[in-house]
C-alpha atoms as a PDB file:
ATOM      1  CA  MET A   1     -50.478 -40.366   2.776  1.00  0.00           C
ATOM      2  CA  THR A   2     -53.314 -38.241   1.475  1.00  0.00           C
ATOM      3  CA  LYS A   3     -56.958 -38.945   2.274  1.00  0.00           C
ATOM      4  CA  ASP A   4     -58.118 -37.477  -1.027  1.00  0.00           C
ATOM      5  CA  PRO A   5     -59.037 -40.269  -3.487  1.00  0.00           C
ATOM      6  CA  LEU A   6     -57.880 -38.347  -6.598  1.00  0.00           C
ATOM      7  CA  ALA A   7     -54.609 -37.331  -4.944  1.00  0.00           C
ATOM      8  CA  LEU A   8     -54.119 -40.919  -3.761  1.00  0.00           C
ATOM      9  CA  LEU A   9     -54.561 -42.089  -7.345  1.00  0.00           C
ATOM     10  CA  ALA A  10     -52.012 -39.469  -8.465  1.00  0.00           C
ATOM     11  CA  GLU A  11     -49.540 -40.668  -5.814  1.00  0.00           C
ATOM     12  CA  GLN A  12     -49.751 -44.192  -7.235  1.00  0.00           C
ATOM     13  CA  GLN A  13     -48.680 -43.110 -10.746  1.00  0.00           C
ATOM     14  CA  THR A  14     -45.115 -44.417 -10.598  1.00  0.00           C
ATOM     15  CA  TRP A  15     -44.631 -43.918 -14.359  1.00  0.00           C
ATOM     16  CA  THR A  16     -43.953 -40.227 -13.609  1.00  0.00           C
ATOM     17  CA  ALA A  17     -40.946 -41.063 -11.405  1.00  0.00           C
ATOM     18  CA  PRO A  18     -38.313 -41.041 -14.201  1.00  0.00           C
ATOM     19  CA  LEU A  19     -39.418 -37.509 -15.148  1.00  0.00           C
ATOM     20  CA  GLU A  20     -39.648 -35.940 -11.701  1.00  0.00           C
ATOM     21  CA  GLN A  21     -36.051 -35.500 -10.555  1.00  0.00           C
ATOM     22  CA  PRO A  22     -34.614 -34.573 -13.964  1.00  0.00           C
ATOM     23  CA  VAL A  23     -37.251 -31.866 -14.399  1.00  0.00           C
ATOM     24  CA  GLN A  24     -36.665 -30.517 -10.887  1.00  0.00           C
ATOM     25  CA  ASP A  25     -32.912 -30.550 -11.518  1.00  0.00           C
ATOM     26  CA  ALA A  26     -33.399 -28.681 -14.810  1.00  0.00           C
ATOM     27  CA  VAL A  27     -35.479 -25.999 -13.087  1.00  0.00           C
ATOM     28  CA  HIS A  28     -32.810 -25.551 -10.396  1.00  0.00           C
ATOM     29  CA  ALA A  29     -30.061 -25.443 -13.029  1.00  0.00           C
ATOM     30  CA  ALA A  30     -31.924 -22.769 -14.972  1.00  0.00           C
ATOM     31  CA  PHE A  31     -32.126 -20.548 -11.907  1.00  0.00           C
ATOM     32  CA  ARG A  32     -28.494 -21.241 -10.948  1.00  0.00           C
ATOM     33  CA  SER A  33     -27.468 -20.149 -14.440  1.00  0.00           C
ATOM     34  CA  LEU A  34     -28.793 -16.691 -13.570  1.00  0.00           C
ATOM     35  CA  GLY A  35     -26.226 -16.393 -10.784  1.00  0.00           C
ATOM     36  CA  PRO A  36     -27.247 -14.344  -7.738  1.00  0.00           C
ATOM     37  CA  ALA A  37     -30.302 -13.038  -9.619  1.00  0.00           C
ATOM     38  CA  GLY A  38     -31.693 -16.593  -9.733  1.00  0.00           C
ATOM     39  CA  HIS A  39     -32.762 -16.446  -6.090  1.00  0.00           C
ATOM     40  CA  THR A  40     -34.513 -13.124  -6.674  1.00  0.00           C
ATOM     41  CA  VAL A  41     -36.290 -14.437  -9.770  1.00  0.00           C
ATOM     42  CA  ARG A  42     -37.451 -17.535  -7.881  1.00  0.00           C
ATOM     43  CA  ASN A  43     -38.855 -15.376  -5.081  1.00  0.00           C
ATOM     44  CA  LEU A  44     -40.607 -13.155  -7.626  1.00  0.00           C
ATOM     45  CA  LEU A  45     -42.179 -16.244  -9.209  1.00  0.00           C
ATOM     46  CA  HIS A  46     -43.168 -17.570  -5.782  1.00  0.00           C
ATOM     47  CA  GLY A  47     -45.003 -14.299  -5.152  1.00  0.00           C
ATOM     48  CA  THR A  48     -43.020 -13.207  -2.117  1.00  0.00           C
ATOM     49  CA  TRP A  49     -43.510  -9.573  -3.158  1.00  0.00           C
ATOM     50  CA  LEU A  50     -47.269 -10.186  -3.288  1.00  0.00           C
ATOM     51  CA  HIS A  51     -47.338 -11.881   0.132  1.00  0.00           C
ATOM     52  CA  GLU A  52     -49.163 -14.847  -1.375  1.00  0.00           C
ATOM     53  CA  PRO A  53     -48.295 -17.528  -3.912  1.00  0.00           C
ATOM     54  CA  LEU A  54     -48.284 -15.999  -7.398  1.00  0.00           C
ATOM     55  CA  HIS A  55     -49.327 -19.323  -8.948  1.00  0.00           C
ATOM     56  CA  ALA A  56     -52.616 -19.210  -7.034  1.00  0.00           C
ATOM     57  CA  VAL A  57     -53.314 -15.763  -8.498  1.00  0.00           C
ATOM     58  CA  LEU A  58     -52.294 -16.535 -12.077  1.00  0.00           C
ATOM     59  CA  VAL A  59     -54.081 -19.881 -12.332  1.00  0.00           C
ATOM     60  CA  GLU A  60     -57.379 -18.003 -12.166  1.00  0.00           C
ATOM     61  CA  VAL A  61     -56.763 -16.633 -15.670  1.00  0.00           C
ATOM     62  CA  PRO A  62     -56.805 -19.934 -17.599  1.00  0.00           C
ATOM     63  CA  VAL A  63     -59.384 -21.635 -15.370  1.00  0.00           C
ATOM     64  CA  GLY A  64     -61.717 -18.624 -15.437  1.00  0.00           C
ATOM     65  CA  SER A  65     -61.193 -18.052 -19.148  1.00  0.00           C
ATOM     66  CA  TRP A  66     -61.848 -21.669 -20.026  1.00  0.00           C
ATOM     67  CA  THR A  67     -64.927 -21.735 -17.800  1.00  0.00           C
ATOM     68  CA  ALA A  68     -66.206 -18.799 -19.840  1.00  0.00           C
ATOM     69  CA  THR A  69     -65.258 -20.612 -23.063  1.00  0.00           C
ATOM     70  CA  VAL A  70     -67.418 -23.610 -22.157  1.00  0.00           C
ATOM     71  CA  VAL A  71     -70.303 -21.338 -21.103  1.00  0.00           C
ATOM     72  CA  PHE A  72     -70.093 -19.278 -24.314  1.00  0.00           C
ATOM     73  CA  ASP A  73     -69.840 -22.452 -26.405  1.00  0.00           C
ATOM     74  CA  THR A  74     -72.966 -23.788 -24.726  1.00  0.00           C
ATOM     75  CA  LEU A  75     -74.861 -20.545 -25.256  1.00  0.00           C
ATOM     76  CA  ALA A  76     -73.790 -20.428 -28.916  1.00  0.00           C
ATOM     77  CA  ALA A  77     -74.764 -24.061 -29.507  1.00  0.00           C
ATOM     78  CA  VAL A  78     -78.155 -23.684 -27.832  1.00  0.00           C
ATOM     79  CA  GLY A  79     -79.047 -20.181 -29.010  1.00  0.00           C
ATOM     80  CA  GLY A  80     -77.170 -19.956 -32.298  1.00  0.00           C
ATOM     81  CA  ASN A  81     -75.772 -16.539 -31.345  1.00  0.00           C
ATOM     82  CA  GLU A  82     -72.652 -15.910 -33.465  1.00  0.00           C
ATOM     83  CA  ARG A  83     -71.333 -13.373 -30.937  1.00  0.00           C
ATOM     84  CA  MET A  84     -71.083 -16.158 -28.368  1.00  0.00           C
ATOM     85  CA  ASN A  85     -68.716 -17.969 -30.755  1.00  0.00           C
ATOM     86  CA  TYR A  86     -66.464 -14.904 -30.844  1.00  0.00           C
ATOM     87  CA  ALA A  87     -66.573 -14.647 -27.062  1.00  0.00           C
ATOM     88  CA  ALA A  88     -65.710 -18.352 -26.716  1.00  0.00           C
ATOM     89  CA  ASP A  89     -62.780 -17.959 -29.108  1.00  0.00           C
ATOM     90  CA  ALA A  90     -61.450 -14.895 -27.270  1.00  0.00           C
ATOM     91  CA  THR A  91     -61.641 -16.497 -23.826  1.00  0.00           C
ATOM     92  CA  LEU A  92     -60.045 -19.679 -25.143  1.00  0.00           C
ATOM     93  CA  VAL A  93     -57.014 -17.721 -26.403  1.00  0.00           C
ATOM     94  CA  LEU A  94     -56.830 -15.702 -23.163  1.00  0.00           C
ATOM     95  CA  GLY A  95     -56.748 -18.992 -21.260  1.00  0.00           C
ATOM     96  CA  LEU A  96     -53.922 -20.319 -23.423  1.00  0.00           C
ATOM     97  CA  VAL A  97     -51.855 -17.183 -22.821  1.00  0.00           C
ATOM     98  CA  GLY A  98     -52.583 -17.237 -19.092  1.00  0.00           C
ATOM     99  CA  ALA A  99     -51.657 -20.910 -18.887  1.00  0.00           C
ATOM    100  CA  GLY A 100     -48.065 -20.068 -19.795  1.00  0.00           C
ATOM    101  CA  ALA A 101     -47.679 -17.710 -16.845  1.00  0.00           C
ATOM    102  CA  ALA A 102     -49.457 -20.103 -14.487  1.00  0.00           C
ATOM    103  CA  ALA A 103     -47.248 -22.988 -15.636  1.00  0.00           C
ATOM    104  CA  THR A 104     -44.064 -20.992 -15.078  1.00  0.00           C
ATOM    105  CA  THR A 105     -44.983 -20.119 -11.506  1.00  0.00           C
ATOM    106  CA  GLY A 106     -46.321 -23.607 -10.803  1.00  0.00           C
ATOM    107  CA  LEU A 107     -43.161 -25.287 -12.057  1.00  0.00           C
ATOM    108  CA  ASN A 108     -41.130 -22.964  -9.859  1.00  0.00           C
ATOM    109  CA  ASP A 109     -43.205 -23.925  -6.794  1.00  0.00           C
ATOM    110  CA  TRP A 110     -43.087 -27.641  -7.630  1.00  0.00           C
ATOM    111  CA  ALA A 111     -39.307 -27.709  -8.121  1.00  0.00           C
ATOM    112  CA  ASP A 112     -38.706 -27.929  -4.357  1.00  0.00           C
ATOM    113  CA  THR A 113     -41.351 -30.523  -3.499  1.00  0.00           C
ATOM    114  CA  LYS A 114     -40.604 -33.986  -2.185  1.00  0.00           C
ATOM    115  CA  GLY A 115     -42.485 -37.203  -1.499  1.00  0.00           C
ATOM    116  CA  GLU A 116     -46.233 -37.226  -2.032  1.00  0.00           C
ATOM    117  CA  ALA A 117     -46.354 -33.585  -3.097  1.00  0.00           C
ATOM    118  CA  LYS A 118     -43.709 -34.221  -5.753  1.00  0.00           C
ATOM    119  CA  ARG A 119     -45.732 -37.046  -7.319  1.00  0.00           C
ATOM    120  CA  ILE A 120     -49.101 -35.285  -7.027  1.00  0.00           C
ATOM    121  CA  GLY A 121     -47.525 -32.154  -8.488  1.00  0.00           C
ATOM    122  CA  ALA A 122     -46.079 -34.118 -11.400  1.00  0.00           C
ATOM    123  CA  VAL A 123     -49.501 -35.540 -12.248  1.00  0.00           C
ATOM    124  CA  HIS A 124     -51.065 -32.080 -11.772  1.00  0.00           C
ATOM    125  CA  GLY A 125     -48.552 -30.604 -14.214  1.00  0.00           C
ATOM    126  CA  LEU A 126     -48.985 -33.357 -16.780  1.00  0.00           C
ATOM    127  CA  LEU A 127     -52.765 -32.992 -16.610  1.00  0.00           C
ATOM    128  CA  ASN A 128     -52.280 -29.277 -17.259  1.00  0.00           C
ATOM    129  CA  VAL A 129     -50.177 -30.100 -20.313  1.00  0.00           C
ATOM    130  CA  ALA A 130     -52.966 -32.400 -21.532  1.00  0.00           C
ATOM    131  CA  ALA A 131     -55.587 -29.687 -20.935  1.00  0.00           C
ATOM    132  CA  VAL A 132     -53.538 -27.046 -22.761  1.00  0.00           C
ATOM    133  CA  THR A 133     -53.117 -29.509 -25.637  1.00  0.00           C
ATOM    134  CA  LEU A 134     -56.882 -30.041 -25.804  1.00  0.00           C
ATOM    135  CA  PHE A 135     -57.621 -26.307 -25.647  1.00  0.00           C
ATOM    136  CA  GLY A 136     -54.920 -25.653 -28.259  1.00  0.00           C
ATOM    137  CA  ALA A 137     -56.470 -28.286 -30.510  1.00  0.00           C
ATOM    138  CA  SER A 138     -59.856 -26.663 -29.887  1.00  0.00           C
ATOM    139  CA  TRP A 139     -58.455 -23.312 -31.016  1.00  0.00           C
ATOM    140  CA  TRP A 140     -57.007 -24.965 -34.134  1.00  0.00           C
ATOM    141  CA  ALA A 141     -60.307 -26.670 -34.972  1.00  0.00           C
ATOM    142  CA  ARG A 142     -62.270 -23.422 -34.579  1.00  0.00           C
ATOM    143  CA  ARG A 143     -60.299 -21.858 -37.414  1.00  0.00           C
ATOM    144  CA  LYS A 144     -62.661 -23.608 -39.843  1.00  0.00           C
ATOM    145  CA  PRO A 145     -66.394 -22.971 -39.363  1.00  0.00           C
ATOM    146  CA  GLU A 146     -67.243 -26.581 -40.214  1.00  0.00           C
ATOM    147  CA  SER A 147     -64.988 -27.747 -37.326  1.00  0.00           C
ATOM    148  CA  ARG A 148     -66.520 -25.557 -34.605  1.00  0.00           C
ATOM    149  CA  GLY A 149     -68.387 -28.537 -33.145  1.00  0.00           C
ATOM    150  CA  THR A 150     -65.120 -30.443 -32.849  1.00  0.00           C
ATOM    151  CA  GLY A 151     -63.579 -27.376 -31.202  1.00  0.00           C
ATOM    152  CA  ARG A 152     -66.387 -27.278 -28.659  1.00  0.00           C
ATOM    153  CA  VAL A 153     -65.967 -30.959 -27.822  1.00  0.00           C
ATOM    154  CA  LEU A 154     -62.199 -30.552 -27.410  1.00  0.00           C
ATOM    155  CA  ALA A 155     -62.746 -27.553 -25.114  1.00  0.00           C
ATOM    156  CA  ALA A 156     -65.255 -29.510 -23.023  1.00  0.00           C
ATOM    157  CA  LEU A 157     -62.777 -32.388 -22.675  1.00  0.00           C
ATOM    158  CA  GLY A 158     -60.035 -29.904 -21.783  1.00  0.00           C
ATOM    159  CA  TYR A 159     -62.308 -28.444 -19.121  1.00  0.00           C
ATOM    160  CA  VAL A 160     -62.844 -31.868 -17.536  1.00  0.00           C
ATOM    161  CA  VAL A 161     -59.075 -32.429 -17.454  1.00  0.00           C
ATOM    162  CA  ILE A 162     -58.330 -28.972 -16.031  1.00  0.00           C
ATOM    163  CA  SER A 163     -60.994 -29.508 -13.363  1.00  0.00           C
ATOM    164  CA  VAL A 164     -59.294 -32.692 -12.157  1.00  0.00           C
ATOM    165  CA  SER A 165     -55.942 -30.920 -12.271  1.00  0.00           C
ATOM    166  CA  ALA A 166     -57.311 -27.966 -10.291  1.00  0.00           C
ATOM    167  CA  HIS A 167     -58.575 -30.386  -7.655  1.00  0.00           C
ATOM    168  CA  LEU A 168     -55.065 -31.834  -7.356  1.00  0.00           C
ATOM    169  CA  GLY A 169     -53.681 -28.289  -7.163  1.00  0.00           C
ATOM    170  CA  GLY A 170     -55.981 -27.637  -4.224  1.00  0.00           C
ATOM    171  CA  ASN A 171     -54.697 -30.798  -2.558  1.00  0.00           C
ATOM    172  CA  LEU A 172     -51.124 -29.606  -3.049  1.00  0.00           C
ATOM    173  CA  VAL A 173     -51.892 -26.382  -1.199  1.00  0.00           C
ATOM    174  CA  TYR A 174     -54.386 -27.438   1.465  1.00  0.00           C
ATOM    175  CA  GLU A 175     -53.159 -30.913   2.319  1.00  0.00           C
ATOM    176  CA  GLN A 176     -49.521 -30.914   1.210  1.00  0.00           C
ATOM    177  CA  GLY A 177     -48.745 -27.267   2.090  1.00  0.00           C
ATOM    178  CA  VAL A 178     -47.020 -26.477  -1.214  1.00  0.00           C
ATOM    179  CA  GLY A 179     -46.582 -22.734  -1.671  1.00  0.00           C
ATOM    180  CA  VAL A 180     -47.761 -21.963   1.835  1.00  0.00           C
ATOM    181  CA  GLN A 181     -44.508 -21.754   3.805  1.00  0.00           C
ATOM    182  CA  ASP A 182     -41.826 -22.101   1.155  1.00  0.00           C
ATOM    183  CA  THR A 183     -41.321 -18.504   0.076  1.00  0.00           C
ATOM    184  CA  GLN A 184     -38.465 -16.431   1.410  1.00  0.00           C
ATOM    185  CA  PRO A 185     -38.373 -12.651   1.826  1.00  0.00           C
ATOM    186  CA  LEU A 186     -36.598 -10.756  -0.917  1.00  0.00           C
ATOM    187  CA  ARG A 187     -33.217  -9.384   0.046  1.00  0.00           C
END
């Protein structure tokens, strides 16, 4: 059992249980459908070729981009600089694009987890879905100038959610060992 209070709370979320095994089975089935290439694709997504987990590298894109979004939003709101609005919009979209790649590699890593890591990973993934939804809604709101304030609030809420999720992601690596020893050399 984890000592981390947020991870412990995630472990106790039994409502995710009906989703966990079917999603893991679907991921495995998708790779099996690729035949012998499935193993190679999984290793590529694990980052074996990089000698470190690819998810850890790719997750920096959405988290870093959305950090910049919140900073640019704050600067635009305080200083009224229109260029900061453009910068916030650009980093928000970059984060949304990067989230797709990070999610693909994260789902691949999570597909082989069991026990505590499986549950914590499920909550981590669902929080990421919630954050992407909030950032997507923020992007949608920003399309109209009169809704920029709503877009900023949605981005700030998304940032809170992604911060909690990132904390759980750290627990998965540092306490649960996910992605640390589970890659195999390419053949």
